[in-house]
Amino acid sequence: MSKQAKTTEENNMSPEDPKLAAIKEIIFGENIKEYDQEFRSLHALVDEQRKDFQEKINLLKKDLNELITETKNDFSKQIGALKNEAFDKLNQLGAEKEQDKQALGDMLIEVGKKLKSE
């Protein structure tokens, strides 16, 4: 029988076909039942593992999202603190600049007075 004829014949028979089941039983006997049971148990094991992995992946996603959120919050706090510190330093430098201007003016006046007295 050619491959095409076998394929057509197999397509015409449903897996529930009692004749096919009887032929399988005669040819393979008890072995087919064992193989079938092993395939079912392996399939169940694969499904169980898939579910476990999916749950683990979901937990990891949740943990990663929480870590990302925490990191964003920490960075925002640190940036805010650095920003405030920079503004404080700028204000301090501005105040020192005014003090330096005043001190320079006082020194120039003193130099001017010394020059007049000489």
PDB file of N, CA and C in Angstrom:
ATOM      1  N   MET A   1       0.859  -1.173   0.000  1.00  0.00           N
ATOM      2  CA  MET A   1       0.000   0.000   0.000  1.00  0.00           C
ATOM      3  C   MET A   1       0.899   1.227   0.000  1.00  0.00           C
ATOM      4  N   SER A   2       0.580   2.211  -0.813  1.00  0.00           N
ATOM      5  CA  SER A   2       1.420   3.402  -0.899  1.00  0.00           C
ATOM      6  C   SER A   2       1.176   4.303   0.313  1.00  0.00           C
ATOM      7  N   LYS A   3       2.112   5.260   0.497  1.00  0.00           N
ATOM      8  CA  LYS A   3       1.990   6.190   1.631  1.00  0.00           C
ATOM      9  C   LYS A   3       0.708   6.997   1.538  1.00  0.00           C
ATOM     10  N   GLN A   4       0.394   7.437   0.326  1.00  0.00           N
ATOM     11  CA  GLN A   4      -0.794   8.253   0.142  1.00  0.00           C
ATOM     12  C   GLN A   4      -2.052   7.462   0.485  1.00  0.00           C
ATOM     13  N   ALA A   5      -2.107   6.214   0.099  1.00  0.00           N
ATOM     14  CA  ALA A   5      -3.266   5.377   0.378  1.00  0.00           C
ATOM     15  C   ALA A   5      -3.403   5.152   1.884  1.00  0.00           C
ATOM     16  N   LYS A   6      -2.232   4.943   2.576  1.00  0.00           N
ATOM     17  CA  LYS A   6      -2.267   4.755   4.024  1.00  0.00           C
ATOM     18  C   LYS A   6      -2.774   6.007   4.718  1.00  0.00           C
ATOM     19  N   THR A   7      -2.264   7.151   4.278  1.00  0.00           N
ATOM     20  CA  THR A   7      -2.661   8.417   4.881  1.00  0.00           C
ATOM     21  C   THR A   7      -4.148   8.654   4.697  1.00  0.00           C
ATOM     22  N   THR A   8      -4.661   8.397   3.506  1.00  0.00           N
ATOM     23  CA  THR A   8      -6.078   8.584   3.233  1.00  0.00           C
ATOM     24  C   THR A   8      -6.903   7.634   4.094  1.00  0.00           C
ATOM     25  N   GLU A   9      -6.447   6.399   4.202  1.00  0.00           N
ATOM     26  CA  GLU A   9      -7.164   5.412   4.999  1.00  0.00           C
ATOM     27  C   GLU A   9      -7.150   5.807   6.478  1.00  0.00           C
ATOM     28  N   GLU A  10      -5.994   6.288   6.970  1.00  0.00           N
ATOM     29  CA  GLU A  10      -5.896   6.687   8.372  1.00  0.00           C
ATOM     30  C   GLU A  10      -6.778   7.898   8.651  1.00  0.00           C
ATOM     31  N   ASN A  11      -6.865   8.824   7.686  1.00  0.00           N
ATOM     32  CA  ASN A  11      -7.696  10.005   7.860  1.00  0.00           C
ATOM     33  C   ASN A  11      -9.177   9.645   7.899  1.00  0.00           C
ATOM     34  N   ASN A  12      -9.555   8.601   7.194  1.00  0.00           N
ATOM     35  CA  ASN A  12     -10.956   8.196   7.154  1.00  0.00           C
ATOM     36  C   ASN A  12     -11.380   7.521   8.458  1.00  0.00           C
ATOM     37  N   MET A  13     -10.429   6.924   9.180  1.00  0.00           N
ATOM     38  CA  MET A  13     -10.750   6.244  10.431  1.00  0.00           C
ATOM     39  C   MET A  13     -10.566   7.219  11.580  1.00  0.00           C
ATOM     40  N   SER A  14     -11.535   7.246  12.440  1.00  0.00           N
ATOM     41  CA  SER A  14     -11.412   8.105  13.607  1.00  0.00           C
ATOM     42  C   SER A  14     -10.638   7.350  14.690  1.00  0.00           C
ATOM     43  N   PRO A  15     -10.030   8.093  15.627  1.00  0.00           N
ATOM     44  CA  PRO A  15      -9.293   7.405  16.699  1.00  0.00           C
ATOM     45  C   PRO A  15     -10.204   6.519  17.548  1.00  0.00           C
ATOM     46  N   GLU A  16     -11.477   6.752  17.487  1.00  0.00           N
ATOM     47  CA  GLU A  16     -12.441   5.988  18.276  1.00  0.00           C
ATOM     48  C   GLU A  16     -12.910   4.731  17.532  1.00  0.00           C
ATOM     49  N   ASP A  17     -12.439   4.541  16.327  1.00  0.00           N
ATOM     50  CA  ASP A  17     -12.884   3.413  15.496  1.00  0.00           C
ATOM     51  C   ASP A  17     -12.590   2.080  16.214  1.00  0.00           C
ATOM     52  N   PRO A  18     -13.618   1.269  16.471  1.00  0.00           N
ATOM     53  CA  PRO A  18     -13.406   0.008  17.209  1.00  0.00           C
ATOM     54  C   PRO A  18     -12.562  -0.994  16.422  1.00  0.00           C
ATOM     55  N   LYS A  19     -12.664  -0.963  15.104  1.00  0.00           N
ATOM     56  CA  LYS A  19     -11.855  -1.886  14.301  1.00  0.00           C
ATOM     57  C   LYS A  19     -10.376  -1.561  14.461  1.00  0.00           C
ATOM     58  N   LEU A  20     -10.057  -0.264  14.425  1.00  0.00           N
ATOM     59  CA  LEU A  20      -8.669   0.163  14.574  1.00  0.00           C
ATOM     60  C   LEU A  20      -8.160  -0.200  15.966  1.00  0.00           C
ATOM     61  N   ALA A  21      -8.995  -0.002  16.954  1.00  0.00           N
ATOM     62  CA  ALA A  21      -8.614  -0.338  18.321  1.00  0.00           C
ATOM     63  C   ALA A  21      -8.363  -1.836  18.447  1.00  0.00           C
ATOM     64  N   ALA A  22      -9.189  -2.644  17.802  1.00  0.00           N
ATOM     65  CA  ALA A  22      -9.020  -4.102  17.865  1.00  0.00           C
ATOM     66  C   ALA A  22      -7.725  -4.518  17.178  1.00  0.00           C
ATOM     67  N   ILE A  23      -7.424  -3.898  16.043  1.00  0.00           N
ATOM     68  CA  ILE A  23      -6.181  -4.220  15.325  1.00  0.00           C
ATOM     69  C   ILE A  23      -4.968  -3.828  16.167  1.00  0.00           C
ATOM     70  N   LYS A  24      -5.028  -2.669  16.776  1.00  0.00           N
ATOM     71  CA  LYS A  24      -3.924  -2.228  17.643  1.00  0.00           C
ATOM     72  C   LYS A  24      -3.751  -3.204  18.801  1.00  0.00           C
ATOM     73  N   GLU A  25      -4.852  -3.636  19.354  1.00  0.00           N
ATOM     74  CA  GLU A  25      -4.798  -4.565  20.485  1.00  0.00           C
ATOM     75  C   GLU A  25      -4.157  -5.878  20.068  1.00  0.00           C
ATOM     76  N   ILE A  26      -4.494  -6.351  18.878  1.00  0.00           N
ATOM     77  CA  ILE A  26      -3.940  -7.618  18.390  1.00  0.00           C
ATOM     78  C   ILE A  26      -2.447  -7.465  18.118  1.00  0.00           C
ATOM     79  N   ILE A  27      -2.079  -6.390  17.432  1.00  0.00           N
ATOM     80  CA  ILE A  27      -0.675  -6.204  17.042  1.00  0.00           C
ATOM     81  C   ILE A  27       0.207  -5.865  18.243  1.00  0.00           C
ATOM     82  N   PHE A  28      -0.213  -4.914  19.008  1.00  0.00           N
ATOM     83  CA  PHE A  28       0.660  -4.415  20.081  1.00  0.00           C
ATOM     84  C   PHE A  28       0.325  -4.990  21.444  1.00  0.00           C
ATOM     85  N   GLY A  29      -0.904  -5.420  21.611  1.00  0.00           N
ATOM     86  CA  GLY A  29      -1.304  -6.042  22.859  1.00  0.00           C
ATOM     87  C   GLY A  29      -1.148  -5.116  24.054  1.00  0.00           C
ATOM     88  N   GLU A  30      -0.573  -5.654  25.109  1.00  0.00           N
ATOM     89  CA  GLU A  30      -0.446  -4.935  26.373  1.00  0.00           C
ATOM     90  C   GLU A  30       0.546  -3.770  26.273  1.00  0.00           C
ATOM     91  N   ASN A  31       1.501  -3.853  25.363  1.00  0.00           N
ATOM     92  CA  ASN A  31       2.516  -2.798  25.228  1.00  0.00           C
ATOM     93  C   ASN A  31       1.896  -1.442  24.887  1.00  0.00           C
ATOM     94  N   ILE A  32       0.905  -1.454  24.017  1.00  0.00           N
ATOM     95  CA  ILE A  32       0.296  -0.184  23.602  1.00  0.00           C
ATOM     96  C   ILE A  32      -0.385   0.486  24.788  1.00  0.00           C
ATOM     97  N   LYS A  33      -0.959  -0.308  25.677  1.00  0.00           N
ATOM     98  CA  LYS A  33      -1.603   0.262  26.859  1.00  0.00           C
ATOM     99  C   LYS A  33      -0.554   0.899  27.770  1.00  0.00           C
ATOM    100  N   GLU A  34       0.564   0.216  27.912  1.00  0.00           N
ATOM    101  CA  GLU A  34       1.648   0.768  28.741  1.00  0.00           C
ATOM    102  C   GLU A  34       2.189   2.064  28.130  1.00  0.00           C
ATOM    103  N   TYR A  35       2.419   2.028  26.818  1.00  0.00           N
ATOM    104  CA  TYR A  35       2.925   3.229  26.147  1.00  0.00           C
ATOM    105  C   TYR A  35       1.927   4.376  26.261  1.00  0.00           C
ATOM    106  N   ASP A  36       0.671   4.036  26.063  1.00  0.00           N
ATOM    107  CA  ASP A  36      -0.377   5.047  26.151  1.00  0.00           C
ATOM    108  C   ASP A  36      -0.414   5.660  27.552  1.00  0.00           C
ATOM    109  N   GLN A  37      -0.321   4.804  28.570  1.00  0.00           N
ATOM    110  CA  GLN A  37      -0.322   5.291  29.949  1.00  0.00           C
ATOM    111  C   GLN A  37       0.917   6.158  30.218  1.00  0.00           C
ATOM    112  N   GLU A  38       2.065   5.726  29.707  1.00  0.00           N
ATOM    113  CA  GLU A  38       3.295   6.518  29.893  1.00  0.00           C
ATOM    114  C   GLU A  38       3.172   7.876  29.213  1.00  0.00           C
ATOM    115  N   PHE A  39       2.634   7.891  28.014  1.00  0.00           N
ATOM    116  CA  PHE A  39       2.449   9.160  27.313  1.00  0.00           C
ATOM    117  C   PHE A  39       1.491  10.073  28.073  1.00  0.00           C
ATOM    118  N   ARG A  40       0.432   9.500  28.598  1.00  0.00           N
ATOM    119  CA  ARG A  40      -0.516  10.311  29.371  1.00  0.00           C
ATOM    120  C   ARG A  40       0.139  10.878  30.634  1.00  0.00           C
ATOM    121  N   SER A  41       0.898  10.034  31.328  1.00  0.00           N
ATOM    122  CA  SER A  41       1.552  10.518  32.548  1.00  0.00           C
ATOM    123  C   SER A  41       2.614  11.563  32.210  1.00  0.00           C
ATOM    124  N   LEU A  42       3.344  11.364  31.121  1.00  0.00           N
ATOM    125  CA  LEU A  42       4.324  12.369  30.700  1.00  0.00           C
ATOM    126  C   LEU A  42       3.645  13.679  30.300  1.00  0.00           C
ATOM    127  N   HIS A  43       2.541  13.547  29.611  1.00  0.00           N
ATOM    128  CA  HIS A  43       1.789  14.734  29.213  1.00  0.00           C
ATOM    129  C   HIS A  43       1.293  15.490  30.448  1.00  0.00           C
ATOM    130  N   ALA A  44       0.802  14.747  31.432  1.00  0.00           N
ATOM    131  CA  ALA A  44       0.332  15.375  32.671  1.00  0.00           C
ATOM    132  C   ALA A  44       1.502  16.046  33.399  1.00  0.00           C
ATOM    133  N   LEU A  45       2.645  15.376  33.421  1.00  0.00           N
ATOM    134  CA  LEU A  45       3.832  15.943  34.070  1.00  0.00           C
ATOM    135  C   LEU A  45       4.282  17.222  33.365  1.00  0.00           C
ATOM    136  N   VAL A  46       4.271  17.206  32.048  1.00  0.00           N
ATOM    137  CA  VAL A  46       4.649  18.395  31.281  1.00  0.00           C
ATOM    138  C   VAL A  46       3.678  19.544  31.570  1.00  0.00           C
ATOM    139  N   ASP A  47       2.397  19.236  31.604  1.00  0.00           N
ATOM    140  CA  ASP A  47       1.395  20.267  31.915  1.00  0.00           C
ATOM    141  C   ASP A  47       1.610  20.837  33.311  1.00  0.00           C
ATOM    142  N   GLU A  48       1.885  19.956  34.260  1.00  0.00           N
ATOM    143  CA  GLU A  48       2.130  20.396  35.643  1.00  0.00           C
ATOM    144  C   GLU A  48       3.370  21.290  35.715  1.00  0.00           C
ATOM    145  N   GLN A  49       4.436  20.869  35.042  1.00  0.00           N
ATOM    146  CA  GLN A  49       5.669  21.663  35.029  1.00  0.00           C
ATOM    147  C   GLN A  49       5.437  23.014  34.356  1.00  0.00           C
ATOM    148  N   ARG A  50       4.662  23.004  33.286  1.00  0.00           N
ATOM    149  CA  ARG A  50       4.350  24.251  32.584  1.00  0.00           C
ATOM    150  C   ARG A  50       3.627  25.216  33.518  1.00  0.00           C
ATOM    151  N   LYS A  51       2.666  24.687  34.266  1.00  0.00           N
ATOM    152  CA  LYS A  51       1.924  25.532  35.215  1.00  0.00           C
ATOM    153  C   LYS A  51       2.854  26.061  36.304  1.00  0.00           C
ATOM    154  N   ASP A  52       3.726  25.191  36.822  1.00  0.00           N
ATOM    155  CA  ASP A  52       4.676  25.620  37.855  1.00  0.00           C
ATOM    156  C   ASP A  52       5.592  26.715  37.327  1.00  0.00           C
ATOM    157  N   PHE A  53       6.116  26.519  36.136  1.00  0.00           N
ATOM    158  CA  PHE A  53       7.004  27.529  35.552  1.00  0.00           C
ATOM    159  C   PHE A  53       6.265  28.837  35.310  1.00  0.00           C
ATOM    160  N   GLN A  54       5.034  28.741  34.866  1.00  0.00           N
ATOM    161  CA  GLN A  54       4.254  29.961  34.621  1.00  0.00           C
ATOM    162  C   GLN A  54       4.024  30.717  35.929  1.00  0.00           C
ATOM    163  N   GLU A  55       3.736  29.977  36.997  1.00  0.00           N
ATOM    164  CA  GLU A  55       3.558  30.616  38.303  1.00  0.00           C
ATOM    165  C   GLU A  55       4.854  31.279  38.756  1.00  0.00           C
ATOM    166  N   LYS A  56       5.969  30.585  38.574  1.00  0.00           N
ATOM    167  CA  LYS A  56       7.266  31.155  38.957  1.00  0.00           C
ATOM    168  C   LYS A  56       7.583  32.399  38.126  1.00  0.00           C
ATOM    169  N   ILE A  57       7.278  32.338  36.851  1.00  0.00           N
ATOM    170  CA  ILE A  57       7.510  33.496  35.975  1.00  0.00           C
ATOM    171  C   ILE A  57       6.660  34.673  36.438  1.00  0.00           C
ATOM    172  N   ASN A  58       5.408  34.404  36.767  1.00  0.00           N
ATOM    173  CA  ASN A  58       4.523  35.476  37.246  1.00  0.00           C
ATOM    174  C   ASN A  58       5.040  36.082  38.548  1.00  0.00           C
ATOM    175  N   LEU A  59       5.523  35.236  39.461  1.00  0.00           N
ATOM    176  CA  LEU A  59       6.097  35.743  40.711  1.00  0.00           C
ATOM    177  C   LEU A  59       7.333  36.589  40.447  1.00  0.00           C
ATOM    178  N   LEU A  60       8.175  36.118  39.534  1.00  0.00           N
ATOM    179  CA  LEU A  60       9.376  36.877  39.194  1.00  0.00           C
ATOM    180  C   LEU A  60       9.023  38.226  38.570  1.00  0.00           C
ATOM    181  N   LYS A  61       8.020  38.228  37.700  1.00  0.00           N
ATOM    182  CA  LYS A  61       7.573  39.491  37.100  1.00  0.00           C
ATOM    183  C   LYS A  61       7.100  40.455  38.174  1.00  0.00           C
ATOM    184  N   LYS A  62       6.320  39.934  39.116  1.00  0.00           N
ATOM    185  CA  LYS A  62       5.803  40.766  40.199  1.00  0.00           C
ATOM    186  C   LYS A  62       6.959  41.325  41.028  1.00  0.00           C
ATOM    187  N   ASP A  63       7.914  40.460  41.393  1.00  0.00           N
ATOM    188  CA  ASP A  63       9.064  40.899  42.181  1.00  0.00           C
ATOM    189  C   ASP A  63       9.889  41.936  41.431  1.00  0.00           C
ATOM    190  N   LEU A  64      10.103  41.701  40.144  1.00  0.00           N
ATOM    191  CA  LEU A  64      10.876  42.661  39.342  1.00  0.00           C
ATOM    192  C   LEU A  64      10.167  44.005  39.249  1.00  0.00           C
ATOM    193  N   ASN A  65       8.866  43.983  39.064  1.00  0.00           N
ATOM    194  CA  ASN A  65       8.112  45.240  39.012  1.00  0.00           C
ATOM    195  C   ASN A  65       8.209  45.993  40.332  1.00  0.00           C
ATOM    196  N   GLU A  66       8.137  45.251  41.446  1.00  0.00           N
ATOM    197  CA  GLU A  66       8.275  45.896  42.754  1.00  0.00           C
ATOM    198  C   GLU A  66       9.669  46.497  42.926  1.00  0.00           C
ATOM    199  N   LEU A  67      10.696  45.751  42.504  1.00  0.00           N
ATOM    200  CA  LEU A  67      12.063  46.264  42.600  1.00  0.00           C
ATOM    201  C   LEU A  67      12.262  47.499  41.728  1.00  0.00           C
ATOM    202  N   ILE A  68      11.679  47.479  40.559  1.00  0.00           N
ATOM    203  CA  ILE A  68      11.790  48.639  39.664  1.00  0.00           C
ATOM    204  C   ILE A  68      11.121  49.851  40.302  1.00  0.00           C
ATOM    205  N   THR A  69       9.951  49.647  40.881  1.00  0.00           N
ATOM    206  CA  THR A  69       9.232  50.741  41.535  1.00  0.00           C
ATOM    207  C   THR A  69      10.044  51.280  42.713  1.00  0.00           C
ATOM    208  N   GLU A  70      10.589  50.381  43.531  1.00  0.00           N
ATOM    209  CA  GLU A  70      11.410  50.806  44.666  1.00  0.00           C
ATOM    210  C   GLU A  70      12.635  51.583  44.198  1.00  0.00           C
ATOM    211  N   THR A  71      13.267  51.103  43.152  1.00  0.00           N
ATOM    212  CA  THR A  71      14.458  51.770  42.618  1.00  0.00           C
ATOM    213  C   THR A  71      14.107  53.158  42.099  1.00  0.00           C
ATOM    214  N   LYS A  72      12.990  53.268  41.392  1.00  0.00           N
ATOM    215  CA  LYS A  72      12.554  54.584  40.904  1.00  0.00           C
ATOM    216  C   LYS A  72      12.320  55.537  42.068  1.00  0.00           C
ATOM    217  N   ASN A  73      11.661  55.044  43.109  1.00  0.00           N
ATOM    218  CA  ASN A  73      11.392  55.886  44.279  1.00  0.00           C
ATOM    219  C   ASN A  73      12.692  56.306  44.959  1.00  0.00           C
ATOM    220  N   ASP A  74      13.627  55.362  45.102  1.00  0.00           N
ATOM    221  CA  ASP A  74      14.916  55.690  45.719  1.00  0.00           C
ATOM    222  C   ASP A  74      15.661  56.731  44.896  1.00  0.00           C
ATOM    223  N   PHE A  75      15.689  56.555  43.585  1.00  0.00           N
ATOM    224  CA  PHE A  75      16.372  57.525  42.721  1.00  0.00           C
ATOM    225  C   PHE A  75      15.706  58.892  42.810  1.00  0.00           C
ATOM    226  N   SER A  76      14.391  58.903  42.839  1.00  0.00           N
ATOM    227  CA  SER A  76      13.680  60.180  42.936  1.00  0.00           C
ATOM    228  C   SER A  76      14.033  60.893  44.241  1.00  0.00           C
ATOM    229  N   LYS A  77      14.076  60.141  45.335  1.00  0.00           N
ATOM    230  CA  LYS A  77      14.442  60.736  46.620  1.00  0.00           C
ATOM    231  C   LYS A  77      15.872  61.256  46.586  1.00  0.00           C
ATOM    232  N   GLN A  78      16.786  60.466  46.042  1.00  0.00           N
ATOM    233  CA  GLN A  78      18.190  60.872  45.991  1.00  0.00           C
ATOM    234  C   GLN A  78      18.371  62.091  45.089  1.00  0.00           C
ATOM    235  N   ILE A  79      17.695  62.103  43.969  1.00  0.00           N
ATOM    236  CA  ILE A  79      17.795  63.253  43.063  1.00  0.00           C
ATOM    237  C   ILE A  79      17.230  64.499  43.734  1.00  0.00           C
ATOM    238  N   GLY A  80      16.111  64.345  44.440  1.00  0.00           N
ATOM    239  CA  GLY A  80      15.524  65.473  45.168  1.00  0.00           C
ATOM    240  C   GLY A  80      16.482  66.002  46.232  1.00  0.00           C
ATOM    241  N   ALA A  81      17.118  65.087  46.968  1.00  0.00           N
ATOM    242  CA  ALA A  81      18.069  65.498  48.005  1.00  0.00           C
ATOM    243  C   ALA A  81      19.263  66.214  47.378  1.00  0.00           C
ATOM    244  N   LEU A  82      19.779  65.684  46.281  1.00  0.00           N
ATOM    245  CA  LEU A  82      20.912  66.321  45.597  1.00  0.00           C
ATOM    246  C   LEU A  82      20.523  67.685  45.033  1.00  0.00           C
ATOM    247  N   LYS A  83      19.331  67.791  44.534  1.00  0.00           N
ATOM    248  CA  LYS A  83      18.834  69.062  44.000  1.00  0.00           C
ATOM    249  C   LYS A  83      18.770  70.103  45.112  1.00  0.00           C
ATOM    250  N   ASN A  84      18.210  69.718  46.255  1.00  0.00           N
ATOM    251  CA  ASN A  84      18.132  70.631  47.392  1.00  0.00           C
ATOM    252  C   ASN A  84      19.521  71.030  47.877  1.00  0.00           C
ATOM    253  N   GLU A  85      20.415  70.071  47.916  1.00  0.00           N
ATOM    254  CA  GLU A  85      21.791  70.349  48.344  1.00  0.00           C
ATOM    255  C   GLU A  85      22.471  71.322  47.381  1.00  0.00           C
ATOM    256  N   ALA A  86      22.247  71.128  46.086  1.00  0.00           N
ATOM    257  CA  ALA A  86      22.841  72.025  45.091  1.00  0.00           C
ATOM    258  C   ALA A  86      22.289  73.442  45.243  1.00  0.00           C
ATOM    259  N   PHE A  87      20.989  73.579  45.460  1.00  0.00           N
ATOM    260  CA  PHE A  87      20.400  74.903  45.670  1.00  0.00           C
ATOM    261  C   PHE A  87      20.946  75.561  46.937  1.00  0.00           C
ATOM    262  N   ASP A  88      21.117  74.774  47.985  1.00  0.00           N
ATOM    263  CA  ASP A  88      21.686  75.316  49.225  1.00  0.00           C
ATOM    264  C   ASP A  88      23.104  75.822  48.991  1.00  0.00           C
ATOM    265  N   LYS A  89      23.896  75.033  48.253  1.00  0.00           N
ATOM    266  CA  LYS A  89      25.279  75.448  47.955  1.00  0.00           C
ATOM    267  C   LYS A  89      25.291  76.722  47.114  1.00  0.00           C
ATOM    268  N   LEU A  90      24.403  76.797  46.132  1.00  0.00           N
ATOM    269  CA  LEU A  90      24.334  77.999  45.294  1.00  0.00           C
ATOM    270  C   LEU A  90      23.939  79.218  46.126  1.00  0.00           C
ATOM    271  N   ASN A  91      22.988  79.049  47.002  1.00  0.00           N
ATOM    272  CA  ASN A  91      22.591  80.159  47.882  1.00  0.00           C
ATOM    273  C   ASN A  91      23.736  80.563  48.797  1.00  0.00           C
ATOM    274  N   GLN A  92      24.454  79.556  49.307  1.00  0.00           N
ATOM    275  CA  GLN A  92      25.591  79.840  50.175  1.00  0.00           C
ATOM    276  C   GLN A  92      26.678  80.587  49.405  1.00  0.00           C
ATOM    277  N   LEU A  93      26.946  80.167  48.180  1.00  0.00           N
ATOM    278  CA  LEU A  93      27.951  80.856  47.357  1.00  0.00           C
ATOM    279  C   LEU A  93      27.515  82.286  47.051  1.00  0.00           C
ATOM    280  N   GLY A  94      26.223  82.461  46.797  1.00  0.00           N
ATOM    281  CA  GLY A  94      25.707  83.810  46.546  1.00  0.00           C
ATOM    282  C   GLY A  94      25.903  84.698  47.763  1.00  0.00           C
ATOM    283  N   ALA A  95      25.639  84.156  48.943  1.00  0.00           N
ATOM    284  CA  ALA A  95      25.817  84.924  50.180  1.00  0.00           C
ATOM    285  C   ALA A  95      27.299  85.219  50.404  1.00  0.00           C
ATOM    286  N   GLU A  96      28.160  84.258  50.141  1.00  0.00           N
ATOM    287  CA  GLU A  96      29.609  84.468  50.300  1.00  0.00           C
ATOM    288  C   GLU A  96      30.102  85.513  49.310  1.00  0.00           C
ATOM    289  N   LYS A  97      29.521  85.488  48.100  1.00  0.00           N
ATOM    290  CA  LYS A  97      29.909  86.466  47.078  1.00  0.00           C
ATOM    291  C   LYS A  97      29.607  87.885  47.571  1.00  0.00           C
ATOM    292  N   GLU A  98      28.435  88.059  48.178  1.00  0.00           N
ATOM    293  CA  GLU A  98      28.065  89.362  48.724  1.00  0.00           C
ATOM    294  C   GLU A  98      29.030  89.763  49.844  1.00  0.00           C
ATOM    295  N   GLN A  99      29.375  88.799  50.692  1.00  0.00           N
ATOM    296  CA  GLN A  99      30.323  89.080  51.772  1.00  0.00           C
ATOM    297  C   GLN A  99      31.690  89.442  51.201  1.00  0.00           C
ATOM    298  N   ASP A 100      32.106  88.729  50.159  1.00  0.00           N
ATOM    299  CA  ASP A 100      33.399  89.020  49.523  1.00  0.00           C
ATOM    300  C   ASP A 100      33.394  90.413  48.898  1.00  0.00           C
ATOM    301  N   LYS A 101      32.278  90.787  48.265  1.00  0.00           N
ATOM    302  CA  LYS A 101      32.175  92.122  47.680  1.00  0.00           C
ATOM    303  C   LYS A 101      32.308  93.192  48.768  1.00  0.00           C
ATOM    304  N   GLN A 102      31.633  92.955  49.877  1.00  0.00           N
ATOM    305  CA  GLN A 102      31.683  93.901  50.996  1.00  0.00           C
ATOM    306  C   GLN A 102      33.098  93.993  51.550  1.00  0.00           C
ATOM    307  N   ALA A 103      33.751  92.858  51.736  1.00  0.00           N
ATOM    308  CA  ALA A 103      35.122  92.843  52.258  1.00  0.00           C
ATOM    309  C   ALA A 103      36.066  93.529  51.285  1.00  0.00           C
ATOM    310  N   LEU A 104      35.909  93.284  49.983  1.00  0.00           N
ATOM    311  CA  LEU A 104      36.756  93.934  48.974  1.00  0.00           C
ATOM    312  C   LEU A 104      36.548  95.439  48.986  1.00  0.00           C
ATOM    313  N   GLY A 105      35.301  95.853  49.102  1.00  0.00           N
ATOM    314  CA  GLY A 105      35.006  97.296  49.178  1.00  0.00           C
ATOM    315  C   GLY A 105      35.663  97.922  50.394  1.00  0.00           C
ATOM    316  N   ASP A 106      35.573  97.245  51.533  1.00  0.00           N
ATOM    317  CA  ASP A 106      36.190  97.747  52.760  1.00  0.00           C
ATOM    318  C   ASP A 106      37.708  97.837  52.596  1.00  0.00           C
ATOM    319  N   MET A 107      38.305  96.829  51.979  1.00  0.00           N
ATOM    320  CA  MET A 107      39.758  96.849  51.777  1.00  0.00           C
ATOM    321  C   MET A 107      40.159  97.988  50.846  1.00  0.00           C
ATOM    322  N   LEU A 108      39.384  98.198  49.785  1.00  0.00           N
ATOM    323  CA  LEU A 108      39.706  99.281  48.848  1.00  0.00           C
ATOM    324  C   LEU A 108      39.603 100.645  49.537  1.00  0.00           C
ATOM    325  N   ILE A 109      38.605 100.801  50.369  1.00  0.00           N
ATOM    326  CA  ILE A 109      38.459 102.060  51.113  1.00  0.00           C
ATOM    327  C   ILE A 109      39.669 102.256  52.020  1.00  0.00           C
ATOM    328  N   GLU A 110      40.093 101.190  52.682  1.00  0.00           N
ATOM    329  CA  GLU A 110      41.246 101.274  53.573  1.00  0.00           C
ATOM    330  C   GLU A 110      42.515 101.615  52.802  1.00  0.00           C
ATOM    331  N   VAL A 111      42.685 100.988  51.625  1.00  0.00           N
ATOM    332  CA  VAL A 111      43.854 101.297  50.780  1.00  0.00           C
ATOM    333  C   VAL A 111      43.792 102.749  50.332  1.00  0.00           C
ATOM    334  N   GLY A 112      42.604 103.186  49.966  1.00  0.00           N
ATOM    335  CA  GLY A 112      42.439 104.578  49.544  1.00  0.00           C
ATOM    336  C   GLY A 112      42.791 105.550  50.678  1.00  0.00           C
ATOM    337  N   LYS A 113      42.397 105.248  51.893  1.00  0.00           N
ATOM    338  CA  LYS A 113      42.702 106.080  53.037  1.00  0.00           C
ATOM    339  C   LYS A 113      44.204 106.115  53.294  1.00  0.00           C
ATOM    340  N   LYS A 114      44.864 104.967  53.154  1.00  0.00           N
ATOM    341  CA  LYS A 114      46.317 104.911  53.370  1.00  0.00           C
ATOM    342  C   LYS A 114      47.034 105.741  52.308  1.00  0.00           C
ATOM    343  N   LEU A 115      46.520 105.658  51.076  1.00  0.00           N
ATOM    344  CA  LEU A 115      47.150 106.426  49.998  1.00  0.00           C
ATOM    345  C   LEU A 115      46.987 107.929  50.235  1.00  0.00           C
ATOM    346  N   LYS A 116      45.856 108.361  50.736  1.00  0.00           N
ATOM    347  CA  LYS A 116      45.605 109.769  51.019  1.00  0.00           C
ATOM    348  C   LYS A 116      46.519 110.253  52.152  1.00  0.00           C
ATOM    349  N   SER A 117      46.720 109.422  53.126  1.00  0.00           N
ATOM    350  CA  SER A 117      47.512 109.824  54.274  1.00  0.00           C
ATOM    351  C   SER A 117      48.990 109.881  53.945  1.00  0.00           C
ATOM    352  N   GLU A 118      49.417 109.270  52.982  1.00  0.00           N
ATOM    353  CA  GLU A 118      50.846 109.272  52.652  1.00  0.00           C
ATOM    354  C   GLU A 118      51.207 110.491  51.961  1.00  0.00           C
TER     355      GLU A 118
END
